Amino acid sequence: RQMCIRDSAYADEGFYANDYYGNAVPWELLYRYLEAASDRIDNLTYNRLEDGLPENERAKKRIKKAVCAVADALYQIDTVRNNSMETVETIKREDGTVTGKMVSSVSSGSESITYVTGVTGSSTDVYMQAAMDKKVENMLLRQIATEYLCGVTDKKGEYLLYAGM
């Protein structure tokens, strides 16, 4: 398998702000997340973009939007992961085993601590699950990218998401 020879992200800060209308990733971190997202797009497309983006403007724009959407998701996942590291508590069970739990809320009056027990249906839950499980993260990023890349071809006319030879 060939290594990708790409030397920059497929989308830049200008595209993110002016064409994708993104605002999730802080400006000072944006290029780093666009680079990481471009790497993920390379993995999902079997490095079919290593010779450059297609000439077709519509295809090129969809690839750039996929990169921006994946960058947003990567940032959200990292944010949840970083925040959860600050709130992890350990609990010693009766049998002596120790488990990690995330603190949901803390009261002071008669000292009450509530732990996260599962999904609640909020939009951050998917990022929470992705932050805790690499398989979920990969599935989420593939799903996000597929929304933009489905039916898009490379310079040779091959579908970017086609896994065959």
N, C-alpha and C. Protein backbone atom coordinates (compact mmCIF):
# COMPACT_ATOMS: atom_id res chain seq x y z
N ARG A 1 0.83 -1.19 0.00
CA ARG A 1 0.00 0.00 0.00
C ARG A 1 0.87 1.24 0.00
N GLN A 2 0.54 2.19 -0.87
CA GLN A 2 1.35 3.39 -0.99
C GLN A 2 1.04 4.38 0.12
N MET A 3 2.04 5.11 0.53
CA MET A 3 1.83 6.18 1.50
C MET A 3 1.29 7.39 0.75
N CYS A 4 0.46 8.14 1.40
CA CYS A 4 -0.11 9.33 0.79
C CYS A 4 0.96 10.42 0.70
N ILE A 5 0.99 11.12 -0.43
CA ILE A 5 1.99 12.17 -0.63
C ILE A 5 1.38 13.57 -0.46
N ARG A 6 0.17 13.62 0.09
CA ARG A 6 -0.50 14.90 0.32
C ARG A 6 0.33 15.72 1.29
N ASP A 7 0.49 17.01 1.01
CA ASP A 7 1.28 17.85 1.89
C ASP A 7 0.46 18.90 2.61
N SER A 8 -0.85 18.87 2.46
CA SER A 8 -1.71 19.80 3.19
C SER A 8 -3.12 19.24 3.24
N ALA A 9 -3.94 19.86 4.07
CA ALA A 9 -5.33 19.42 4.21
C ALA A 9 -6.08 19.65 2.91
N TYR A 10 -7.11 18.84 2.67
CA TYR A 10 -7.92 18.98 1.46
C TYR A 10 -8.81 20.22 1.50
N ALA A 11 -9.10 20.71 2.68
CA ALA A 11 -9.88 21.94 2.83
C ALA A 11 -9.06 22.89 3.69
N ASP A 12 -9.21 24.17 3.45
CA ASP A 12 -8.47 25.14 4.25
C ASP A 12 -9.43 25.95 5.13
N GLU A 13 -8.86 26.85 5.92
CA GLU A 13 -9.65 27.65 6.85
C GLU A 13 -10.68 28.50 6.13
N GLY A 14 -10.31 29.03 4.96
CA GLY A 14 -11.23 29.87 4.19
C GLY A 14 -12.45 29.08 3.72
N PHE A 15 -12.23 27.86 3.23
CA PHE A 15 -13.35 27.03 2.80
C PHE A 15 -14.22 26.68 4.00
N TYR A 16 -13.60 26.32 5.12
CA TYR A 16 -14.35 25.97 6.33
C TYR A 16 -15.28 27.11 6.75
N ALA A 17 -14.77 28.32 6.76
CA ALA A 17 -15.56 29.46 7.22
C ALA A 17 -16.55 29.96 6.18
N ASN A 18 -16.15 30.04 4.91
CA ASN A 18 -16.95 30.72 3.89
C ASN A 18 -17.83 29.82 3.03
N ASP A 19 -17.47 28.55 2.89
CA ASP A 19 -18.25 27.65 2.04
C ASP A 19 -18.99 26.59 2.86
N TYR A 20 -18.33 26.07 3.89
CA TYR A 20 -18.93 25.08 4.77
C TYR A 20 -19.72 25.76 5.89
N TYR A 21 -19.38 27.00 6.17
CA TYR A 21 -20.00 27.80 7.25
C TYR A 21 -19.80 27.14 8.61
N GLY A 22 -18.62 26.59 8.79
CA GLY A 22 -18.31 25.92 10.05
C GLY A 22 -17.97 26.92 11.15
N ASN A 23 -18.29 26.53 12.38
CA ASN A 23 -17.93 27.36 13.53
C ASN A 23 -17.69 26.54 14.78
N ALA A 24 -17.63 25.21 14.66
CA ALA A 24 -17.46 24.35 15.82
C ALA A 24 -16.02 24.34 16.33
N VAL A 25 -15.07 24.34 15.41
CA VAL A 25 -13.66 24.23 15.80
C VAL A 25 -13.09 25.64 15.99
N PRO A 26 -12.45 25.89 17.14
CA PRO A 26 -11.82 27.20 17.34
C PRO A 26 -10.77 27.47 16.26
N TRP A 27 -10.69 28.70 15.83
CA TRP A 27 -9.82 29.09 14.72
C TRP A 27 -8.37 28.65 14.92
N GLU A 28 -7.86 28.79 16.15
CA GLU A 28 -6.45 28.46 16.39
C GLU A 28 -6.18 26.95 16.30
N LEU A 29 -7.21 26.12 16.37
CA LEU A 29 -7.04 24.67 16.26
C LEU A 29 -7.49 24.12 14.91
N LEU A 30 -8.06 24.97 14.08
CA LEU A 30 -8.74 24.53 12.87
C LEU A 30 -7.83 23.77 11.91
N TYR A 31 -6.66 24.30 11.61
CA TYR A 31 -5.81 23.62 10.63
C TYR A 31 -5.43 22.22 11.09
N ARG A 32 -5.15 22.07 12.38
CA ARG A 32 -4.80 20.76 12.93
C ARG A 32 -5.94 19.75 12.71
N TYR A 33 -7.19 20.20 12.93
CA TYR A 33 -8.32 19.29 12.75
C TYR A 33 -8.62 19.05 11.28
N LEU A 34 -8.39 20.03 10.42
CA LEU A 34 -8.56 19.80 8.98
C LEU A 34 -7.54 18.79 8.47
N GLU A 35 -6.33 18.86 8.98
CA GLU A 35 -5.29 17.89 8.62
C GLU A 35 -5.67 16.48 9.09
N ALA A 36 -6.10 16.38 10.33
CA ALA A 36 -6.50 15.08 10.88
C ALA A 36 -7.69 14.51 10.10
N ALA A 37 -8.63 15.37 9.75
CA ALA A 37 -9.80 14.94 8.98
C ALA A 37 -9.38 14.48 7.59
N SER A 38 -8.44 15.16 6.97
CA SER A 38 -7.94 14.77 5.66
C SER A 38 -7.30 13.39 5.72
N ASP A 39 -6.58 13.11 6.81
CA ASP A 39 -5.99 11.79 7.01
C ASP A 39 -7.09 10.73 7.10
N ARG A 40 -8.16 11.04 7.83
CA ARG A 40 -9.27 10.09 7.96
C ARG A 40 -9.94 9.87 6.60
N ILE A 41 -10.08 10.93 5.81
CA ILE A 41 -10.69 10.81 4.48
C ILE A 41 -9.80 9.93 3.61
N ASP A 42 -8.48 10.08 3.71
CA ASP A 42 -7.56 9.21 2.96
C ASP A 42 -7.78 7.75 3.32
N ASN A 43 -7.94 7.47 4.61
CA ASN A 43 -8.18 6.08 5.04
C ASN A 43 -9.49 5.56 4.48
N LEU A 44 -10.53 6.36 4.54
CA LEU A 44 -11.86 5.93 4.08
C LEU A 44 -11.93 5.76 2.56
N THR A 45 -11.09 6.49 1.84
CA THR A 45 -11.14 6.46 0.37
C THR A 45 -9.99 5.64 -0.22
N TYR A 46 -9.33 4.87 0.62
CA TYR A 46 -8.25 4.00 0.16
C TYR A 46 -7.17 4.78 -0.58
N ASN A 47 -6.89 5.98 -0.09
CA ASN A 47 -5.87 6.89 -0.64
C ASN A 47 -6.10 7.23 -2.10
N ARG A 48 -7.33 7.22 -2.55
CA ARG A 48 -7.63 7.54 -3.95
C ARG A 48 -7.43 9.02 -4.29
N LEU A 49 -7.22 9.84 -3.30
CA LEU A 49 -7.03 11.27 -3.55
C LEU A 49 -5.56 11.68 -3.50
N GLU A 50 -4.68 10.69 -3.41
CA GLU A 50 -3.26 11.03 -3.26
C GLU A 50 -2.69 11.76 -4.48
N ASP A 51 -3.31 11.61 -5.64
CA ASP A 51 -2.85 12.33 -6.83
C ASP A 51 -3.50 13.70 -6.96
N GLY A 52 -4.30 14.07 -5.98
CA GLY A 52 -4.97 15.36 -6.00
C GLY A 52 -6.48 15.22 -6.10
N LEU A 53 -7.15 16.31 -5.86
CA LEU A 53 -8.61 16.31 -5.92
C LEU A 53 -9.07 16.22 -7.37
N PRO A 54 -10.28 15.69 -7.60
CA PRO A 54 -10.80 15.59 -8.97
C PRO A 54 -10.98 16.98 -9.59
N GLU A 55 -11.03 17.02 -10.92
CA GLU A 55 -11.22 18.29 -11.63
C GLU A 55 -12.65 18.81 -11.46
N ASN A 56 -13.61 17.90 -11.35
CA ASN A 56 -15.02 18.25 -11.22
C ASN A 56 -15.23 19.11 -9.97
N GLU A 57 -15.74 20.32 -10.15
CA GLU A 57 -15.91 21.27 -9.04
C GLU A 57 -16.89 20.76 -7.99
N ARG A 58 -17.97 20.11 -8.43
CA ARG A 58 -18.95 19.59 -7.49
C ARG A 58 -18.33 18.51 -6.61
N ALA A 59 -17.57 17.60 -7.22
CA ALA A 59 -16.90 16.53 -6.48
C ALA A 59 -15.87 17.12 -5.51
N LYS A 60 -15.12 18.10 -5.98
CA LYS A 60 -14.10 18.73 -5.15
C LYS A 60 -14.73 19.39 -3.92
N LYS A 61 -15.87 20.05 -4.13
CA LYS A 61 -16.55 20.73 -3.03
C LYS A 61 -17.10 19.72 -2.02
N ARG A 62 -17.60 18.60 -2.50
CA ARG A 62 -18.13 17.58 -1.59
C ARG A 62 -17.01 16.95 -0.76
N ILE A 63 -15.85 16.77 -1.35
CA ILE A 63 -14.70 16.24 -0.61
C ILE A 63 -14.30 17.23 0.49
N LYS A 64 -14.23 18.50 0.13
CA LYS A 64 -13.86 19.52 1.11
C LYS A 64 -14.89 19.61 2.24
N LYS A 65 -16.18 19.49 1.90
CA LYS A 65 -17.22 19.51 2.93
C LYS A 65 -17.10 18.29 3.84
N ALA A 66 -16.77 17.14 3.27
CA ALA A 66 -16.57 15.93 4.07
C ALA A 66 -15.43 16.15 5.07
N VAL A 67 -14.35 16.76 4.61
CA VAL A 67 -13.21 17.05 5.49
C VAL A 67 -13.65 17.97 6.63
N CYS A 68 -14.41 18.99 6.32
CA CYS A 68 -14.87 19.94 7.34
C CYS A 68 -15.80 19.26 8.34
N ALA A 69 -16.71 18.43 7.86
CA ALA A 69 -17.64 17.73 8.74
C ALA A 69 -16.90 16.75 9.65
N VAL A 70 -15.93 16.05 9.11
CA VAL A 70 -15.13 15.13 9.91
C VAL A 70 -14.29 15.91 10.91
N ALA A 71 -13.75 17.06 10.52
CA ALA A 71 -12.98 17.91 11.45
C ALA A 71 -13.86 18.34 12.61
N ASP A 72 -15.10 18.76 12.33
CA ASP A 72 -16.03 19.14 13.39
C ASP A 72 -16.25 17.97 14.35
N ALA A 73 -16.48 16.79 13.81
CA ALA A 73 -16.74 15.62 14.64
C ALA A 73 -15.51 15.25 15.48
N LEU A 74 -14.33 15.29 14.87
CA LEU A 74 -13.10 15.00 15.62
C LEU A 74 -12.92 15.97 16.77
N TYR A 75 -13.22 17.25 16.52
CA TYR A 75 -13.11 18.25 17.58
C TYR A 75 -14.11 17.95 18.70
N GLN A 76 -15.35 17.63 18.33
CA GLN A 76 -16.38 17.32 19.34
C GLN A 76 -15.97 16.10 20.18
N ILE A 77 -15.46 15.08 19.51
CA ILE A 77 -15.03 13.86 20.21
C ILE A 77 -13.88 14.19 21.16
N ASP A 78 -12.90 14.96 20.70
CA ASP A 78 -11.78 15.34 21.55
C ASP A 78 -12.24 16.17 22.74
N THR A 79 -13.19 17.07 22.51
CA THR A 79 -13.71 17.91 23.59
C THR A 79 -14.39 17.05 24.65
N VAL A 80 -15.22 16.11 24.23
CA VAL A 80 -15.88 15.21 25.18
C VAL A 80 -14.84 14.38 25.92
N ARG A 81 -13.88 13.85 25.17
CA ARG A 81 -12.83 13.00 25.77
C ARG A 81 -12.05 13.81 26.82
N ASN A 82 -11.66 15.02 26.48
CA ASN A 82 -10.90 15.85 27.42
C ASN A 82 -11.72 16.23 28.64
N ASN A 83 -13.00 16.58 28.44
CA ASN A 83 -13.86 16.93 29.56
C ASN A 83 -14.13 15.74 30.45
N SER A 84 -14.29 14.56 29.85
CA SER A 84 -14.60 13.38 30.66
C SER A 84 -13.40 12.96 31.49
N MET A 85 -12.20 13.21 31.01
CA MET A 85 -11.00 12.86 31.79
C MET A 85 -10.97 13.65 33.09
N GLU A 86 -11.53 14.86 33.07
CA GLU A 86 -11.53 15.70 34.26
C GLU A 86 -12.59 15.27 35.27
N THR A 87 -13.57 14.47 34.83
CA THR A 87 -14.68 14.12 35.72
C THR A 87 -14.75 12.64 36.04
N VAL A 88 -13.71 11.89 35.70
CA VAL A 88 -13.75 10.45 35.97
C VAL A 88 -13.50 10.21 37.46
N GLU A 89 -14.33 9.39 38.03
CA GLU A 89 -14.26 9.02 39.44
C GLU A 89 -14.15 7.50 39.48
N THR A 90 -13.51 6.95 40.48
CA THR A 90 -13.48 5.49 40.60
C THR A 90 -14.35 5.07 41.78
N ILE A 91 -14.93 3.90 41.63
CA ILE A 91 -15.80 3.35 42.67
C ILE A 91 -15.29 1.95 43.00
N LYS A 92 -15.18 1.68 44.29
CA LYS A 92 -14.78 0.34 44.71
C LYS A 92 -16.05 -0.45 45.02
N ARG A 93 -16.21 -1.57 44.31
CA ARG A 93 -17.40 -2.40 44.49
C ARG A 93 -17.21 -3.31 45.72
N GLU A 94 -18.33 -3.94 46.12
CA GLU A 94 -18.30 -4.84 47.28
C GLU A 94 -17.32 -5.99 47.07
N ASP A 95 -17.19 -6.46 45.83
CA ASP A 95 -16.29 -7.59 45.58
C ASP A 95 -14.82 -7.18 45.47
N GLY A 96 -14.54 -5.90 45.69
CA GLY A 96 -13.16 -5.42 45.69
C GLY A 96 -12.68 -4.87 44.36
N THR A 97 -13.47 -5.04 43.28
CA THR A 97 -13.06 -4.51 41.98
C THR A 97 -13.30 -3.01 41.95
N VAL A 98 -12.53 -2.34 41.12
CA VAL A 98 -12.64 -0.89 40.98
C VAL A 98 -13.10 -0.58 39.56
N THR A 99 -14.05 0.32 39.43
CA THR A 99 -14.56 0.70 38.12
C THR A 99 -14.52 2.21 37.98
N GLY A 100 -14.38 2.67 36.76
CA GLY A 100 -14.39 4.11 36.50
C GLY A 100 -15.79 4.58 36.16
N LYS A 101 -16.20 5.69 36.72
CA LYS A 101 -17.51 6.27 36.44
C LYS A 101 -17.31 7.76 36.18
N MET A 102 -18.16 8.30 35.31
CA MET A 102 -18.11 9.74 35.08
C MET A 102 -19.12 10.43 35.97
N VAL A 103 -18.71 11.49 36.63
CA VAL A 103 -19.59 12.24 37.51
C VAL A 103 -20.52 13.08 36.66
N SER A 104 -21.83 12.95 36.92
CA SER A 104 -22.83 13.73 36.20
C SER A 104 -23.14 15.01 36.96
N SER A 105 -23.30 14.91 38.30
CA SER A 105 -23.54 16.09 39.12
C SER A 105 -23.10 15.84 40.55
N VAL A 106 -22.78 16.91 41.25
CA VAL A 106 -22.37 16.84 42.64
C VAL A 106 -23.16 17.89 43.40
N SER A 107 -23.76 17.50 44.54
CA SER A 107 -24.46 18.43 45.42
C SER A 107 -23.66 18.56 46.69
N SER A 108 -23.90 19.61 47.45
CA SER A 108 -23.13 19.81 48.65
C SER A 108 -23.95 19.56 49.91
N GLY A 109 -25.22 19.95 49.94
CA GLY A 109 -26.09 19.85 51.13
C GLY A 109 -25.89 18.59 51.93
N SER A 110 -26.47 17.50 51.53
CA SER A 110 -26.25 16.23 52.23
C SER A 110 -25.33 15.34 51.40
N GLU A 111 -24.46 15.96 50.65
CA GLU A 111 -23.44 15.33 49.82
C GLU A 111 -24.00 14.24 48.92
N SER A 112 -24.36 14.61 47.72
CA SER A 112 -24.92 13.69 46.73
C SER A 112 -24.08 13.74 45.48
N ILE A 113 -23.70 12.58 44.96
CA ILE A 113 -22.94 12.50 43.71
C ILE A 113 -23.74 11.62 42.76
N THR A 114 -23.98 12.12 41.54
CA THR A 114 -24.69 11.34 40.53
C THR A 114 -23.70 10.99 39.43
N TYR A 115 -23.72 9.71 39.03
CA TYR A 115 -22.81 9.24 37.99
C TYR A 115 -23.56 9.03 36.69
N VAL A 116 -22.85 9.21 35.58
CA VAL A 116 -23.41 8.94 34.27
C VAL A 116 -23.64 7.44 34.18
N THR A 117 -24.86 7.06 33.76
CA THR A 117 -25.19 5.64 33.71
C THR A 117 -25.39 5.12 32.31
N GLY A 118 -25.52 5.96 31.34
CA GLY A 118 -25.75 5.51 29.97
C GLY A 118 -26.15 6.67 29.10
N VAL A 119 -26.75 6.35 27.97
CA VAL A 119 -27.12 7.39 27.02
C VAL A 119 -28.44 8.02 27.43
N THR A 120 -28.58 9.30 27.15
CA THR A 120 -29.79 10.03 27.51
C THR A 120 -30.55 10.50 26.29
N GLY A 121 -29.99 10.31 25.12
CA GLY A 121 -30.67 10.75 23.91
C GLY A 121 -30.24 12.13 23.44
N SER A 122 -29.32 12.76 24.15
CA SER A 122 -28.88 14.09 23.73
C SER A 122 -27.88 13.97 22.57
N SER A 123 -27.68 15.07 21.87
CA SER A 123 -26.80 15.04 20.70
C SER A 123 -25.35 14.78 21.08
N THR A 124 -24.98 15.06 22.32
CA THR A 124 -23.59 14.82 22.73
C THR A 124 -23.34 13.35 23.02
N ASP A 125 -24.40 12.55 23.17
CA ASP A 125 -24.22 11.13 23.49
C ASP A 125 -23.40 10.40 22.43
N VAL A 126 -23.65 10.70 21.17
CA VAL A 126 -22.92 10.01 20.11
C VAL A 126 -21.43 10.35 20.20
N TYR A 127 -21.12 11.60 20.56
CA TYR A 127 -19.72 11.98 20.72
C TYR A 127 -19.14 11.34 21.98
N MET A 128 -19.96 11.19 23.01
CA MET A 128 -19.54 10.53 24.24
C MET A 128 -19.18 9.07 23.94
N GLN A 129 -20.06 8.40 23.20
CA GLN A 129 -19.79 7.00 22.86
C GLN A 129 -18.55 6.88 21.99
N ALA A 130 -18.39 7.81 21.04
CA ALA A 130 -17.22 7.79 20.16
C ALA A 130 -15.94 8.07 20.94
N ALA A 131 -16.03 8.92 21.95
CA ALA A 131 -14.85 9.25 22.76
C ALA A 131 -14.40 8.05 23.59
N MET A 132 -15.34 7.16 23.91
CA MET A 132 -15.01 6.01 24.76
C MET A 132 -14.70 4.75 23.97
N ASP A 133 -15.07 4.71 22.68
CA ASP A 133 -14.94 3.48 21.91
C ASP A 133 -14.45 3.80 20.50
N LYS A 134 -13.25 3.35 20.17
CA LYS A 134 -12.64 3.65 18.87
C LYS A 134 -13.48 3.12 17.71
N LYS A 135 -14.14 1.96 17.89
CA LYS A 135 -15.00 1.42 16.84
C LYS A 135 -16.16 2.36 16.55
N VAL A 136 -16.77 2.89 17.61
CA VAL A 136 -17.88 3.83 17.45
C VAL A 136 -17.37 5.10 16.76
N GLU A 137 -16.19 5.55 17.16
CA GLU A 137 -15.60 6.74 16.53
C GLU A 137 -15.42 6.50 15.03
N ASN A 138 -14.85 5.37 14.67
CA ASN A 138 -14.62 5.08 13.25
C ASN A 138 -15.93 4.97 12.48
N MET A 139 -16.94 4.34 13.08
CA MET A 139 -18.24 4.23 12.41
C MET A 139 -18.88 5.60 12.23
N LEU A 140 -18.79 6.44 13.25
CA LEU A 140 -19.37 7.79 13.17
C LEU A 140 -18.69 8.61 12.08
N LEU A 141 -17.37 8.58 12.03
CA LEU A 141 -16.64 9.35 11.03
C LEU A 141 -16.93 8.84 9.63
N ARG A 142 -17.04 7.52 9.47
CA ARG A 142 -17.38 6.94 8.16
C ARG A 142 -18.77 7.40 7.74
N GLN A 143 -19.71 7.38 8.67
CA GLN A 143 -21.08 7.80 8.36
C GLN A 143 -21.12 9.27 7.94
N ILE A 144 -20.41 10.11 8.66
CA ILE A 144 -20.37 11.54 8.34
C ILE A 144 -19.76 11.76 6.96
N ALA A 145 -18.62 11.12 6.70
CA ALA A 145 -17.93 11.29 5.42
C ALA A 145 -18.77 10.75 4.27
N THR A 146 -19.45 9.62 4.49
CA THR A 146 -20.25 8.99 3.44
C THR A 146 -21.37 9.90 2.95
N GLU A 147 -21.93 10.69 3.85
CA GLU A 147 -22.98 11.63 3.46
C GLU A 147 -22.51 12.55 2.33
N TYR A 148 -21.24 12.90 2.33
CA TYR A 148 -20.69 13.81 1.33
C TYR A 148 -20.03 13.06 0.17
N LEU A 149 -19.43 11.91 0.45
CA LEU A 149 -18.59 11.23 -0.54
C LEU A 149 -19.32 10.18 -1.37
N CYS A 150 -20.53 9.82 -1.00
CA CYS A 150 -21.29 8.82 -1.73
C CYS A 150 -21.48 9.27 -3.18
N GLY A 151 -21.05 8.46 -4.13
CA GLY A 151 -21.19 8.79 -5.54
C GLY A 151 -20.11 9.68 -6.11
N VAL A 152 -19.15 10.12 -5.30
CA VAL A 152 -18.07 11.00 -5.76
C VAL A 152 -16.93 10.13 -6.29
N THR A 153 -16.38 10.53 -7.43
CA THR A 153 -15.28 9.79 -8.04
C THR A 153 -13.98 10.58 -8.00
N ASP A 154 -12.87 9.84 -8.12
CA ASP A 154 -11.56 10.48 -8.16
C ASP A 154 -11.23 10.91 -9.59
N LYS A 155 -10.00 11.31 -9.83
CA LYS A 155 -9.57 11.76 -11.17
C LYS A 155 -9.71 10.67 -12.22
N LYS A 156 -9.59 9.40 -11.81
CA LYS A 156 -9.66 8.28 -12.74
C LYS A 156 -11.09 7.80 -12.96
N GLY A 157 -12.05 8.41 -12.25
CA GLY A 157 -13.45 8.00 -12.37
C GLY A 157 -13.86 6.87 -11.44
N GLU A 158 -12.98 6.50 -10.49
CA GLU A 158 -13.31 5.46 -9.53
C GLU A 158 -14.04 6.07 -8.34
N TYR A 159 -15.06 5.39 -7.86
CA TYR A 159 -15.78 5.89 -6.68
C TYR A 159 -14.87 5.88 -5.49
N LEU A 160 -14.85 6.98 -4.75
CA LEU A 160 -13.94 7.12 -3.62
C LEU A 160 -14.16 6.08 -2.53
N LEU A 161 -15.40 5.66 -2.34
CA LEU A 161 -15.71 4.73 -1.26
C LEU A 161 -15.73 3.27 -1.70
N TYR A 162 -15.44 3.01 -2.98
CA TYR A 162 -15.46 1.65 -3.50
C TYR A 162 -14.28 0.86 -2.96
N ALA A 163 -14.56 -0.26 -2.31
CA ALA A 163 -13.50 -1.04 -1.66
C ALA A 163 -12.89 -2.09 -2.59
N GLY A 164 -13.49 -2.32 -3.74
CA GLY A 164 -12.99 -3.36 -4.65
C GLY A 164 -11.75 -2.93 -5.40
N MET A 165 -11.28 -3.84 -6.23
CA MET A 165 -10.07 -3.55 -7.02
C MET A 165 -10.40 -3.33 -8.47
